[in-house]
All heavy atoms as atom14 arrays in JSON, in Angstrom:
{
  "sequence": "VMTSPGNAQADPKVAKAMAILKAETAKLGAPKVEGTDQTADKTTPGL",
  "atom14_mask": [
    [1, 1, 1, 1, 1, 1, 1, 0, 0, 0, 0, 0, 0, 0],
    [1, 1, 1, 1, 1, 1, 1, 1, 0, 0, 0, 0, 0, 0],
    [1, 1, 1, 1, 1, 1, 1, 0, 0, 0, 0, 0, 0, 0],
    [1, 1, 1, 1, 1, 1, 0, 0, 0, 0, 0, 0, 0, 0],
    [1, 1, 1, 1, 1, 1, 1, 0, 0, 0, 0, 0, 0, 0],
    [1, 1, 1, 1, 0, 0, 0, 0, 0, 0, 0, 0, 0, 0],
    [1, 1, 1, 1, 1, 1, 1, 1, 0, 0, 0, 0, 0, 0],
    [1, 1, 1, 1, 1, 0, 0, 0, 0, 0, 0, 0, 0, 0],
    [1, 1, 1, 1, 1, 1, 1, 1, 1, 0, 0, 0, 0, 0],
    [1, 1, 1, 1, 1, 0, 0, 0, 0, 0, 0, 0, 0, 0],
    [1, 1, 1, 1, 1, 1, 1, 1, 0, 0, 0, 0, 0, 0],
    [1, 1, 1, 1, 1, 1, 1, 0, 0, 0, 0, 0, 0, 0],
    [1, 1, 1, 1, 1, 1, 1, 1, 1, 0, 0, 0, 0, 0],
    [1, 1, 1, 1, 1, 1, 1, 0, 0, 0, 0, 0, 0, 0],
    [1, 1, 1, 1, 1, 0, 0, 0, 0, 0, 0, 0, 0, 0],
    [1, 1, 1, 1, 1, 1, 1, 1, 1, 0, 0, 0, 0, 0],
    [1, 1, 1, 1, 1, 0, 0, 0, 0, 0, 0, 0, 0, 0],
    [1, 1, 1, 1, 1, 1, 1, 1, 0, 0, 0, 0, 0, 0],
    [1, 1, 1, 1, 1, 0, 0, 0, 0, 0, 0, 0, 0, 0],
    [1, 1, 1, 1, 1, 1, 1, 1, 0, 0, 0, 0, 0, 0],
    [1, 1, 1, 1, 1, 1, 1, 1, 0, 0, 0, 0, 0, 0],
    [1, 1, 1, 1, 1, 1, 1, 1, 1, 0, 0, 0, 0, 0],
    [1, 1, 1, 1, 1, 0, 0, 0, 0, 0, 0, 0, 0, 0],
    [1, 1, 1, 1, 1, 1, 1, 1, 1, 0, 0, 0, 0, 0],
    [1, 1, 1, 1, 1, 1, 1, 0, 0, 0, 0, 0, 0, 0],
    [1, 1, 1, 1, 1, 0, 0, 0, 0, 0, 0, 0, 0, 0],
    [1, 1, 1, 1, 1, 1, 1, 1, 1, 0, 0, 0, 0, 0],
    [1, 1, 1, 1, 1, 1, 1, 1, 0, 0, 0, 0, 0, 0],
    [1, 1, 1, 1, 0, 0, 0, 0, 0, 0, 0, 0, 0, 0],
    [1, 1, 1, 1, 1, 0, 0, 0, 0, 0, 0, 0, 0, 0],
    [1, 1, 1, 1, 1, 1, 1, 0, 0, 0, 0, 0, 0, 0],
    [1, 1, 1, 1, 1, 1, 1, 1, 1, 0, 0, 0, 0, 0],
    [1, 1, 1, 1, 1, 1, 1, 0, 0, 0, 0, 0, 0, 0],
    [1, 1, 1, 1, 1, 1, 1, 1, 1, 0, 0, 0, 0, 0],
    [1, 1, 1, 1, 0, 0, 0, 0, 0, 0, 0, 0, 0, 0],
    [1, 1, 1, 1, 1, 1, 1, 0, 0, 0, 0, 0, 0, 0],
    [1, 1, 1, 1, 1, 1, 1, 1, 0, 0, 0, 0, 0, 0],
    [1, 1, 1, 1, 1, 1, 1, 1, 1, 0, 0, 0, 0, 0],
    [1, 1, 1, 1, 1, 1, 1, 0, 0, 0, 0, 0, 0, 0],
    [1, 1, 1, 1, 1, 0, 0, 0, 0, 0, 0, 0, 0, 0],
    [1, 1, 1, 1, 1, 1, 1, 1, 0, 0, 0, 0, 0, 0],
    [1, 1, 1, 1, 1, 1, 1, 1, 1, 0, 0, 0, 0, 0],
    [1, 1, 1, 1, 1, 1, 1, 0, 0, 0, 0, 0, 0, 0],
    [1, 1, 1, 1, 1, 1, 1, 0, 0, 0, 0, 0, 0, 0],
    [1, 1, 1, 1, 1, 1, 1, 0, 0, 0, 0, 0, 0, 0],
    [1, 1, 1, 1, 0, 0, 0, 0, 0, 0, 0, 0, 0, 0],
    [1, 1, 1, 1, 1, 1, 1, 1, 0, 0, 0, 0, 0, 0]
  ],
  "atom14_positions": [
    [[16.74, -29.29, 110.92], [16.31, -30.68, 110.84], [14.97, -30.76, 110.1], [13.99, -30.21, 110.52], [16.2, -31.27, 112.25], [15.78, -32.71, 112.21], [17.52, -31.14, 112.98], [0.0, 0.0, 0.0], [0.0, 0.0, 0.0], [0.0, 0.0, 0.0], [0.0, 0.0, 0.0], [0.0, 0.0, 0.0], [0.0, 0.0, 0.0], [0.0, 0.0, 0.0]],
    [[14.97, -31.48, 108.96], [13.79, -31.72, 108.14], [13.81, -33.2, 107.7], [14.59, -33.94, 108.24], [13.79, -30.75, 106.96], [13.67, -29.32, 107.42], [14.17, -28.05, 106.28], [13.5, -28.53, 104.76], [0.0, 0.0, 0.0], [0.0, 0.0, 0.0], [0.0, 0.0, 0.0], [0.0, 0.0, 0.0], [0.0, 0.0, 0.0], [0.0, 0.0, 0.0]],
    [[13.03, -33.78, 106.67], [12.99, -35.23, 106.36], [12.76, -35.75, 104.92], [12.32, -35.03, 104.11], [11.92, -35.93, 107.22], [11.16, -35.04, 107.92], [12.48, -36.95, 108.09], [0.0, 0.0, 0.0], [0.0, 0.0, 0.0], [0.0, 0.0, 0.0], [0.0, 0.0, 0.0], [0.0, 0.0, 0.0], [0.0, 0.0, 0.0], [0.0, 0.0, 0.0]],
    [[12.93, -37.18, 104.63], [12.68, -37.85, 103.33], [12.6, -39.38, 103.44], [13.26, -39.94, 104.28], [13.74, -37.4, 102.33], [14.27, -38.37, 101.54], [0.0, 0.0, 0.0], [0.0, 0.0, 0.0], [0.0, 0.0, 0.0], [0.0, 0.0, 0.0], [0.0, 0.0, 0.0], [0.0, 0.0, 0.0], [0.0, 0.0, 0.0], [0.0, 0.0, 0.0]],
    [[11.81, -40.09, 102.57], [11.52, -41.5, 102.79], [12.64, -42.46, 102.43], [13.59, -42.11, 101.76], [10.31, -41.76, 101.91], [10.43, -40.78, 100.81], [11.17, -39.59, 101.37], [0.0, 0.0, 0.0], [0.0, 0.0, 0.0], [0.0, 0.0, 0.0], [0.0, 0.0, 0.0], [0.0, 0.0, 0.0], [0.0, 0.0, 0.0], [0.0, 0.0, 0.0]],
    [[12.46, -43.69, 102.86], [13.38, -44.74, 102.48], [14.41, -45.0, 103.54], [15.09, -44.1, 103.98], [0.0, 0.0, 0.0], [0.0, 0.0, 0.0], [0.0, 0.0, 0.0], [0.0, 0.0, 0.0], [0.0, 0.0, 0.0], [0.0, 0.0, 0.0], [0.0, 0.0, 0.0], [0.0, 0.0, 0.0], [0.0, 0.0, 0.0], [0.0, 0.0, 0.0]],
    [[14.51, -46.24, 103.95], [15.51, -46.61, 104.94], [16.1, -47.95, 104.5], [15.65, -49.0, 104.91], [14.89, -46.7, 106.32], [15.93, -46.78, 107.41], [17.1, -46.53, 107.17], [15.52, -47.12, 108.61], [0.0, 0.0, 0.0], [0.0, 0.0, 0.0], [0.0, 0.0, 0.0], [0.0, 0.0, 0.0], [0.0, 0.0, 0.0], [0.0, 0.0, 0.0]],
    [[17.09, -47.88, 103.62], [17.71, -49.08, 103.08], [18.43, -49.85, 104.18], [18.76, -49.3, 105.23], [18.7, -48.68, 101.99], [0.0, 0.0, 0.0], [0.0, 0.0, 0.0], [0.0, 0.0, 0.0], [0.0, 0.0, 0.0], [0.0, 0.0, 0.0], [0.0, 0.0, 0.0], [0.0, 0.0, 0.0], [0.0, 0.0, 0.0], [0.0, 0.0, 0.0]],
    [[18.68, -51.12, 103.93], [19.46, -51.94, 104.86], [20.82, -51.29, 105.03], [21.47, -50.89, 104.06], [19.59, -53.35, 104.29], [20.32, -54.31, 105.18], [19.56, -54.6, 106.47], [18.35, -54.45, 106.53], [20.27, -54.98, 107.49], [0.0, 0.0, 0.0], [0.0, 0.0, 0.0], [0.0, 0.0, 0.0], [0.0, 0.0, 0.0], [0.0, 0.0, 0.0]],
    [[21.29, -51.19, 106.26], [22.56, -50.54, 106.54], [23.73, -51.35, 106.0], [23.79, -52.56, 106.18], [22.72, -50.33, 108.04], [0.0, 0.0, 0.0], [0.0, 0.0, 0.0], [0.0, 0.0, 0.0], [0.0, 0.0, 0.0], [0.0, 0.0, 0.0], [0.0, 0.0, 0.0], [0.0, 0.0, 0.0], [0.0, 0.0, 0.0], [0.0, 0.0, 0.0]],
    [[24.66, -50.67, 105.34], [25.91, -51.27, 104.93], [26.64, -51.69, 106.21], [26.67, -50.93, 107.18], [26.72, -50.21, 104.17], [28.1, -50.67, 103.79], [29.02, -50.54, 104.62], [28.24, -51.16, 102.68], [0.0, 0.0, 0.0], [0.0, 0.0, 0.0], [0.0, 0.0, 0.0], [0.0, 0.0, 0.0], [0.0, 0.0, 0.0], [0.0, 0.0, 0.0]],
    [[27.23, -52.89, 106.27], [27.87, -53.35, 107.5], [28.95, -52.39, 108.03], [29.06, -52.19, 109.24], [28.47, -54.71, 107.12], [27.68, -55.16, 105.94], [27.25, -53.91, 105.22], [0.0, 0.0, 0.0], [0.0, 0.0, 0.0], [0.0, 0.0, 0.0], [0.0, 0.0, 0.0], [0.0, 0.0, 0.0], [0.0, 0.0, 0.0], [0.0, 0.0, 0.0]],
    [[29.72, -51.8, 107.14], [30.77, -50.85, 107.55], [30.14, -49.59, 108.17], [30.6, -49.1, 109.21], [31.62, -50.48, 106.33], [32.8, -49.61, 106.61], [33.62, -49.4, 105.34], [34.76, -48.44, 105.54], [35.51, -48.22, 104.3], [0.0, 0.0, 0.0], [0.0, 0.0, 0.0], [0.0, 0.0, 0.0], [0.0, 0.0, 0.0], [0.0, 0.0, 0.0]],
    [[29.07, -49.1, 107.57], [28.37, -47.92, 108.09], [27.71, -48.26, 109.44], [27.81, -47.49, 110.39], [27.31, -47.41, 107.09], [26.42, -46.34, 107.7], [28.0, -46.86, 105.84], [0.0, 0.0, 0.0], [0.0, 0.0, 0.0], [0.0, 0.0, 0.0], [0.0, 0.0, 0.0], [0.0, 0.0, 0.0], [0.0, 0.0, 0.0], [0.0, 0.0, 0.0]],
    [[27.06, -49.41, 109.51], [26.39, -49.82, 110.75], [27.39, -49.94, 111.9], [27.12, -49.49, 113.02], [25.65, -51.13, 110.54], [0.0, 0.0, 0.0], [0.0, 0.0, 0.0], [0.0, 0.0, 0.0], [0.0, 0.0, 0.0], [0.0, 0.0, 0.0], [0.0, 0.0, 0.0], [0.0, 0.0, 0.0], [0.0, 0.0, 0.0], [0.0, 0.0, 0.0]],
    [[28.55, -50.53, 111.64], [29.57, -50.67, 112.68], [30.11, -49.31, 113.13], [30.24, -49.05, 114.33], [30.72, -51.55, 112.17], [31.79, -51.79, 113.21], [32.88, -52.71, 112.7], [33.93, -52.93, 113.78], [34.99, -53.83, 113.32], [0.0, 0.0, 0.0], [0.0, 0.0, 0.0], [0.0, 0.0, 0.0], [0.0, 0.0, 0.0], [0.0, 0.0, 0.0]],
    [[30.4, -48.43, 112.17], [30.9, -47.1, 112.52], [29.86, -46.31, 113.31], [30.2, -45.61, 114.26], [31.3, -46.34, 111.25], [0.0, 0.0, 0.0], [0.0, 0.0, 0.0], [0.0, 0.0, 0.0], [0.0, 0.0, 0.0], [0.0, 0.0, 0.0], [0.0, 0.0, 0.0], [0.0, 0.0, 0.0], [0.0, 0.0, 0.0], [0.0, 0.0, 0.0]],
    [[28.58, -46.43, 112.93], [27.52, -45.74, 113.65], [27.42, -46.26, 115.08], [27.27, -45.47, 116.03], [26.18, -45.89, 112.93], [25.04, -45.15, 113.59], [25.19, -43.34, 113.55], [24.71, -43.03, 111.85], [0.0, 0.0, 0.0], [0.0, 0.0, 0.0], [0.0, 0.0, 0.0], [0.0, 0.0, 0.0], [0.0, 0.0, 0.0], [0.0, 0.0, 0.0]],
    [[27.5, -47.57, 115.26], [27.43, -48.14, 116.6], [28.58, -47.63, 117.48], [28.37, -47.29, 118.65], [27.45, -49.67, 116.52], [0.0, 0.0, 0.0], [0.0, 0.0, 0.0], [0.0, 0.0, 0.0], [0.0, 0.0, 0.0], [0.0, 0.0, 0.0], [0.0, 0.0, 0.0], [0.0, 0.0, 0.0], [0.0, 0.0, 0.0], [0.0, 0.0, 0.0]],
    [[29.77, -47.54, 116.92], [30.93, -47.02, 117.67], [30.71, -45.56, 118.02], [30.94, -45.14, 119.17], [32.23, -47.21, 116.86], [32.56, -48.7, 116.75], [33.38, -46.43, 117.49], [33.66, -49.01, 115.74], [0.0, 0.0, 0.0], [0.0, 0.0, 0.0], [0.0, 0.0, 0.0], [0.0, 0.0, 0.0], [0.0, 0.0, 0.0], [0.0, 0.0, 0.0]],
    [[30.27, -44.76, 117.05], [30.04, -43.33, 117.28], [29.03, -43.11, 118.4], [29.25, -42.33, 119.33], [29.55, -42.67, 115.99], [29.23, -41.17, 116.07], [30.45, -40.36, 116.46], [28.67, -40.71, 114.74], [0.0, 0.0, 0.0], [0.0, 0.0, 0.0], [0.0, 0.0, 0.0], [0.0, 0.0, 0.0], [0.0, 0.0, 0.0], [0.0, 0.0, 0.0]],
    [[27.92, -43.85, 118.35], [26.88, -43.69, 119.37], [27.35, -44.18, 120.74], [27.05, -43.56, 121.75], [25.61, -44.4, 118.91], [24.97, -43.7, 117.71], [23.84, -44.48, 117.13], [22.57, -44.21, 117.88], [21.4, -44.83, 117.24], [0.0, 0.0, 0.0], [0.0, 0.0, 0.0], [0.0, 0.0, 0.0], [0.0, 0.0, 0.0], [0.0, 0.0, 0.0]],
    [[28.11, -45.26, 120.77], [28.62, -45.77, 122.04], [29.6, -44.79, 122.68], [29.56, -44.56, 123.89], [29.3, -47.13, 121.83], [0.0, 0.0, 0.0], [0.0, 0.0, 0.0], [0.0, 0.0, 0.0], [0.0, 0.0, 0.0], [0.0, 0.0, 0.0], [0.0, 0.0, 0.0], [0.0, 0.0, 0.0], [0.0, 0.0, 0.0], [0.0, 0.0, 0.0]],
    [[30.46, -44.2, 121.87], [31.43, -43.24, 122.41], [30.76, -41.96, 122.91], [31.14, -41.43, 123.94], [32.5, -42.91, 121.35], [33.41, -44.08, 121.05], [34.2, -44.58, 122.25], [34.76, -43.75, 123.01], [34.24, -45.8, 122.46], [0.0, 0.0, 0.0], [0.0, 0.0, 0.0], [0.0, 0.0, 0.0], [0.0, 0.0, 0.0], [0.0, 0.0, 0.0]],
    [[29.77, -41.48, 122.19], [29.08, -40.27, 122.66], [28.27, -40.56, 123.92], [28.17, -39.7, 124.8], [28.17, -39.66, 121.58], [27.22, -40.62, 121.13], [28.98, -39.15, 120.41], [0.0, 0.0, 0.0], [0.0, 0.0, 0.0], [0.0, 0.0, 0.0], [0.0, 0.0, 0.0], [0.0, 0.0, 0.0], [0.0, 0.0, 0.0], [0.0, 0.0, 0.0]],
    [[27.73, -41.77, 124.03], [26.96, -42.13, 125.23], [27.84, -42.07, 126.47], [27.36, -41.72, 127.56], [26.36, -43.52, 125.06], [0.0, 0.0, 0.0], [0.0, 0.0, 0.0], [0.0, 0.0, 0.0], [0.0, 0.0, 0.0], [0.0, 0.0, 0.0], [0.0, 0.0, 0.0], [0.0, 0.0, 0.0], [0.0, 0.0, 0.0], [0.0, 0.0, 0.0]],
    [[29.13, -42.36, 126.32], [30.06, -42.29, 127.45], [30.23, -40.87, 127.97], [30.61, -40.65, 129.12], [31.42, -42.85, 127.06], [31.41, -44.34, 126.79], [32.77, -44.79, 126.31], [32.76, -46.26, 125.88], [34.07, -46.66, 125.34], [0.0, 0.0, 0.0], [0.0, 0.0, 0.0], [0.0, 0.0, 0.0], [0.0, 0.0, 0.0], [0.0, 0.0, 0.0]],
    [[29.99, -39.88, 127.11], [30.15, -38.48, 127.5], [28.96, -37.95, 128.3], [29.08, -37.0, 129.05], [30.34, -37.6, 126.26], [31.6, -37.87, 125.44], [31.56, -37.07, 124.15], [32.84, -37.54, 126.25], [0.0, 0.0, 0.0], [0.0, 0.0, 0.0], [0.0, 0.0, 0.0], [0.0, 0.0, 0.0], [0.0, 0.0, 0.0], [0.0, 0.0, 0.0]],
    [[27.79, -38.53, 128.09], [26.58, -38.1, 128.78], [25.45, -37.87, 127.82], [25.58, -38.05, 126.61], [0.0, 0.0, 0.0], [0.0, 0.0, 0.0], [0.0, 0.0, 0.0], [0.0, 0.0, 0.0], [0.0, 0.0, 0.0], [0.0, 0.0, 0.0], [0.0, 0.0, 0.0], [0.0, 0.0, 0.0], [0.0, 0.0, 0.0], [0.0, 0.0, 0.0]],
    [[24.33, -37.48, 128.37], [23.11, -37.29, 127.59], [23.24, -36.08, 126.66], [23.84, -35.07, 127.03], [21.92, -37.1, 128.52], [0.0, 0.0, 0.0], [0.0, 0.0, 0.0], [0.0, 0.0, 0.0], [0.0, 0.0, 0.0], [0.0, 0.0, 0.0], [0.0, 0.0, 0.0], [0.0, 0.0, 0.0], [0.0, 0.0, 0.0], [0.0, 0.0, 0.0]],
    [[22.65, -36.16, 125.46], [22.69, -35.02, 124.54], [21.72, -33.91, 124.97], [20.64, -34.2, 125.5], [22.27, -35.63, 123.2], [21.5, -36.85, 123.55], [22.01, -37.34, 124.86], [0.0, 0.0, 0.0], [0.0, 0.0, 0.0], [0.0, 0.0, 0.0], [0.0, 0.0, 0.0], [0.0, 0.0, 0.0], [0.0, 0.0, 0.0], [0.0, 0.0, 0.0]],
    [[22.14, -32.67, 124.74], [21.28, -31.52, 125.03], [21.73, -30.35, 124.18], [22.86, -30.31, 123.68], [21.33, -31.15, 126.51], [22.69, -30.64, 126.97], [22.71, -30.27, 128.43], [24.13, -29.82, 128.82], [24.23, -29.52, 130.23], [0.0, 0.0, 0.0], [0.0, 0.0, 0.0], [0.0, 0.0, 0.0], [0.0, 0.0, 0.0], [0.0, 0.0, 0.0]],
    [[20.85, -29.39, 124.02], [21.16, -28.15, 123.31], [21.2, -27.03, 124.33], [20.31, -26.91, 125.18], [20.09, -27.85, 122.23], [20.28, -26.46, 121.66], [20.16, -28.89, 121.12], [0.0, 0.0, 0.0], [0.0, 0.0, 0.0], [0.0, 0.0, 0.0], [0.0, 0.0, 0.0], [0.0, 0.0, 0.0], [0.0, 0.0, 0.0], [0.0, 0.0, 0.0]],
    [[22.25, -26.22, 124.24], [22.41, -25.1, 125.16], [23.24, -24.01, 124.49], [24.31, -24.29, 123.94], [23.12, -25.59, 126.42], [23.2, -24.6, 127.54], [23.8, -25.25, 128.78], [23.12, -26.09, 129.39], [24.96, -24.92, 129.11], [0.0, 0.0, 0.0], [0.0, 0.0, 0.0], [0.0, 0.0, 0.0], [0.0, 0.0, 0.0], [0.0, 0.0, 0.0]],
    [[22.78, -22.79, 124.51], [23.52, -21.69, 123.91], [23.58, -21.83, 122.39], [22.74, -22.49, 121.78], [0.0, 0.0, 0.0], [0.0, 0.0, 0.0], [0.0, 0.0, 0.0], [0.0, 0.0, 0.0], [0.0, 0.0, 0.0], [0.0, 0.0, 0.0], [0.0, 0.0, 0.0], [0.0, 0.0, 0.0], [0.0, 0.0, 0.0], [0.0, 0.0, 0.0]],
    [[24.59, -21.18, 121.8], [24.76, -21.22, 120.35], [26.22, -21.47, 120.0], [27.11, -21.34, 120.83], [24.31, -19.91, 119.68], [25.11, -18.84, 120.19], [22.85, -19.64, 119.9], [0.0, 0.0, 0.0], [0.0, 0.0, 0.0], [0.0, 0.0, 0.0], [0.0, 0.0, 0.0], [0.0, 0.0, 0.0], [0.0, 0.0, 0.0], [0.0, 0.0, 0.0]],
    [[26.43, -21.81, 118.74], [27.75, -22.06, 118.17], [27.84, -21.3, 116.86], [26.86, -21.21, 116.13], [27.91, -23.54, 117.86], [29.0, -24.21, 118.66], [29.79, -23.5, 119.3], [29.06, -25.45, 118.61], [0.0, 0.0, 0.0], [0.0, 0.0, 0.0], [0.0, 0.0, 0.0], [0.0, 0.0, 0.0], [0.0, 0.0, 0.0], [0.0, 0.0, 0.0]],
    [[29.01, -20.8, 116.55], [29.25, -20.2, 115.24], [30.07, -21.2, 114.44], [31.18, -21.55, 114.83], [30.01, -18.88, 115.38], [30.12, -18.1, 114.09], [28.78, -17.6, 113.58], [27.92, -17.25, 114.36], [28.63, -17.58, 112.28], [0.0, 0.0, 0.0], [0.0, 0.0, 0.0], [0.0, 0.0, 0.0], [0.0, 0.0, 0.0], [0.0, 0.0, 0.0]],
    [[29.51, -21.71, 113.35], [30.18, -22.68, 112.5], [30.13, -22.17, 111.08], [29.06, -21.97, 110.54], [29.48, -24.06, 112.59], [29.41, -24.44, 113.95], [30.25, -25.1, 111.82], [0.0, 0.0, 0.0], [0.0, 0.0, 0.0], [0.0, 0.0, 0.0], [0.0, 0.0, 0.0], [0.0, 0.0, 0.0], [0.0, 0.0, 0.0], [0.0, 0.0, 0.0]],
    [[31.32, -22.0, 110.52], [31.42, -21.39, 109.2], [30.67, -20.06, 109.27], [30.95, -19.25, 110.12], [30.92, -22.33, 108.12], [0.0, 0.0, 0.0], [0.0, 0.0, 0.0], [0.0, 0.0, 0.0], [0.0, 0.0, 0.0], [0.0, 0.0, 0.0], [0.0, 0.0, 0.0], [0.0, 0.0, 0.0], [0.0, 0.0, 0.0], [0.0, 0.0, 0.0]],
    [[29.67, -19.87, 108.41], [28.92, -18.6, 108.42], [27.54, -18.76, 109.06], [26.67, -17.93, 108.85], [28.79, -18.07, 107.0], [28.02, -19.0, 106.09], [27.81, -20.17, 106.46], [27.63, -18.57, 104.99], [0.0, 0.0, 0.0], [0.0, 0.0, 0.0], [0.0, 0.0, 0.0], [0.0, 0.0, 0.0], [0.0, 0.0, 0.0], [0.0, 0.0, 0.0]],
    [[27.34, -19.81, 109.86], [26.04, -20.08, 110.45], [26.09, -20.06, 111.98], [27.07, -20.48, 112.57], [25.53, -21.44, 109.99], [25.28, -21.54, 108.5], [24.94, -22.97, 108.12], [24.66, -23.09, 106.65], [25.79, -22.88, 105.8], [0.0, 0.0, 0.0], [0.0, 0.0, 0.0], [0.0, 0.0, 0.0], [0.0, 0.0, 0.0], [0.0, 0.0, 0.0]],
    [[25.03, -19.58, 112.58], [24.87, -19.68, 114.02], [23.87, -20.8, 114.28], [22.77, -20.79, 113.73], [24.34, -18.35, 114.62], [25.28, -17.33, 114.33], [24.16, -18.47, 116.12], [0.0, 0.0, 0.0], [0.0, 0.0, 0.0], [0.0, 0.0, 0.0], [0.0, 0.0, 0.0], [0.0, 0.0, 0.0], [0.0, 0.0, 0.0], [0.0, 0.0, 0.0]],
    [[24.28, -21.79, 115.07], [23.45, -22.94, 115.36], [23.37, -23.14, 116.87], [24.23, -22.66, 117.61], [24.03, -24.22, 114.71], [25.34, -24.44, 115.23], [24.07, -24.1, 113.2], [0.0, 0.0, 0.0], [0.0, 0.0, 0.0], [0.0, 0.0, 0.0], [0.0, 0.0, 0.0], [0.0, 0.0, 0.0], [0.0, 0.0, 0.0], [0.0, 0.0, 0.0]],
    [[22.37, -23.86, 117.33], [22.32, -24.19, 118.76], [23.56, -25.0, 119.16], [24.05, -25.81, 118.38], [21.05, -25.03, 118.89], [20.22, -24.64, 117.71], [21.19, -24.35, 116.61], [0.0, 0.0, 0.0], [0.0, 0.0, 0.0], [0.0, 0.0, 0.0], [0.0, 0.0, 0.0], [0.0, 0.0, 0.0], [0.0, 0.0, 0.0], [0.0, 0.0, 0.0]],
    [[24.06, -24.79, 120.38], [25.21, -25.54, 120.87], [24.78, -26.94, 121.28], [23.86, -27.08, 122.07], [0.0, 0.0, 0.0], [0.0, 0.0, 0.0], [0.0, 0.0, 0.0], [0.0, 0.0, 0.0], [0.0, 0.0, 0.0], [0.0, 0.0, 0.0], [0.0, 0.0, 0.0], [0.0, 0.0, 0.0], [0.0, 0.0, 0.0], [0.0, 0.0, 0.0]],
    [[25.42, -27.95, 120.76], [25.09, -29.34, 121.07], [26.11, -29.88, 122.06], [27.31, -29.77, 121.85], [25.1, -30.2, 119.81], [24.8, -31.69, 120.02], [23.35, -31.88, 120.46], [25.07, -32.47, 118.76], [0.0, 0.0, 0.0], [0.0, 0.0, 0.0], [0.0, 0.0, 0.0], [0.0, 0.0, 0.0], [0.0, 0.0, 0.0], [0.0, 0.0, 0.0]]
  ]
}
């Protein structure tokens, strides 16, 4: 996780999809990192 400027107005289709994604994940519980995951050729923290 790193960063860059600019936050354009959200496209309505993107904003709606993001709201659905966040609402559905909220139903599963709070986010946390635990352990690790192997994805492709990278080892990352387990989300």
